Protein backbone atom coordinates (compact mmCIF):
# COMPACT_ATOMS: atom_id res chain seq x y z
CA MET A 1 0.12 0.11 -0.26
CA ALA A 2 3.04 2.50 0.48
CA ALA A 3 3.69 2.30 -3.45
CA LYS A 4 0.13 3.41 -3.98
CA SER A 5 -0.13 6.05 -1.52
CA MET A 6 3.58 7.46 -3.03
CA ILE A 7 1.66 7.24 -6.55
CA PHE A 8 -0.91 9.35 -5.37
CA ARG A 9 1.45 11.85 -3.83
CA GLU A 10 3.49 12.22 -7.19
CA LEU A 11 0.39 12.16 -9.27
CA GLU A 12 -1.00 15.30 -7.37
CA ARG A 13 2.21 17.29 -8.13
CA LEU A 14 2.00 16.61 -12.27
CA PRO A 15 0.83 19.17 -14.14
CA VAL A 16 -2.45 18.53 -16.34
CA LYS A 17 -0.96 17.52 -19.51
CA ALA A 18 1.05 14.99 -17.67
CA LEU A 19 -1.76 13.72 -16.23
CA GLU A 20 -3.61 13.17 -19.56
CA GLU A 21 -0.40 11.06 -20.49
CA VAL A 22 -0.74 8.91 -17.37
CA GLU A 23 -4.21 8.48 -18.02
CA LYS A 24 -3.57 7.19 -21.38
CA PHE A 25 -0.87 4.94 -20.17
CA VAL A 26 -2.96 3.50 -17.66
CA GLY A 27 -5.65 2.55 -20.17
CA GLN A 28 -2.98 0.83 -22.52
CA LEU A 29 -1.78 -0.90 -19.32
CA LYS A 30 -5.34 -2.35 -18.57
CA GLN A 31 -5.92 -3.02 -22.28
CA SER A 32 -2.67 -4.94 -22.63
CA ARG A 33 -3.14 -6.68 -19.20
CA SER A 34 -6.60 -7.79 -19.93
CA SER A 35 -6.02 -9.31 -23.62
CA GLY A 36 -3.26 -11.55 -22.14
CA ARG A 37 -5.95 -13.26 -20.01
CA THR A 38 -8.67 -15.46 -21.31
CA PRO A 39 -12.09 -14.41 -20.69
CA ALA A 40 -14.38 -16.46 -19.30
CA LEU A 41 -16.63 -18.34 -21.53
CA ASN A 42 -19.81 -19.27 -21.55
CA GLY A 43 -21.33 -22.61 -22.93
CA LYS A 44 -21.92 -21.29 -25.96
CA MET A 45 -18.70 -19.44 -26.61
CA LEU A 46 -16.56 -22.53 -25.30
CA ALA A 47 -18.64 -24.50 -27.93
CA LYS A 48 -17.91 -22.56 -30.82
CA LYS A 49 -14.10 -22.65 -29.67
CA GLN A 50 -14.11 -26.35 -29.48
CA ILE A 51 -15.84 -26.28 -32.82
CA THR A 52 -13.63 -24.33 -34.55
CA ALA A 53 -10.64 -26.38 -33.24
CA ILE A 54 -11.73 -29.50 -34.18
CA LYS A 55 -12.68 -28.57 -37.49
CA LYS A 56 -9.12 -26.89 -38.15
CA TRP A 57 -7.85 -30.19 -37.13
CA ALA A 58 -10.20 -32.50 -39.45
CA GLY A 59 -8.62 -34.81 -41.88
CA ARG A 60 -5.35 -34.98 -40.21
CA ASN A 61 -4.17 -38.05 -39.29
CA LEU A 62 -3.52 -38.21 -35.54
CA GLU A 63 -1.21 -40.92 -34.17
CA ALA A 64 -2.90 -43.80 -32.09
CA GLY A 65 -3.22 -43.20 -28.86
CA PHE A 66 -4.18 -39.79 -29.33
CA ALA A 67 -6.22 -38.41 -25.99
CA GLY A 68 -5.58 -36.50 -22.73
CA ARG A 69 -3.13 -34.27 -22.86
CA ASP A 70 -3.06 -33.89 -26.86
CA HIS A 71 -6.70 -33.64 -27.25
CA ASP A 72 -6.39 -30.40 -24.96
CA LYS A 73 -3.37 -29.01 -26.82
CA ILE A 74 -5.33 -28.90 -30.09
CA LEU A 75 -8.70 -27.88 -28.31
CA TYR A 76 -7.03 -25.04 -26.38
CA GLY A 77 -3.33 -24.32 -27.14
CA ASP A 78 -0.28 -24.85 -25.45
CA ASN A 79 -1.12 -22.55 -22.86
CA GLY A 80 -3.94 -25.02 -21.39
């Protein structure tokens, strides 16, 4: 919390033009931070994502014993 209060003190000292730049930076930071996260998927969106992944891999020759982790990698990517 000490860092938060220090940031607020410094913000109070900044001129208006600098505050506008800080506001833009915070907006970009929030956007980049949220874009890296997977949004919670409702049932319909999850099904659509799975169908798209399945269609992408349809017709490919998959090795015997293909299941489990390999299945998840195809559906959800390497990140899980």
